[in-house]
């Protein structure tokens, strides 16, 4: 995300939307949330962020690591790639 202030807003929004608990990485300007529903959920996350006026630079869906049980959506800024 371009704006660090948007991190908190995105985390709050995604938490309220039932996505699950979000993790905020301020250094990389990244918000990570479980993506129950996979790609369909990812589309809804994009819509929710857009409606709220939260600008994102990148969004993705990744497979969980062994300790994780659910796919996760990441919103990233250009500097963290």
Foldseek 3Di string as FASTA:
>chain_A
DPDLVLLVVLQVQCCVVVQAHWDADSVFRKIKTFQVPPPVSQVVSVVSCVVVVNDFDDKDWDDDDPVDDGIMIMTGHPVND
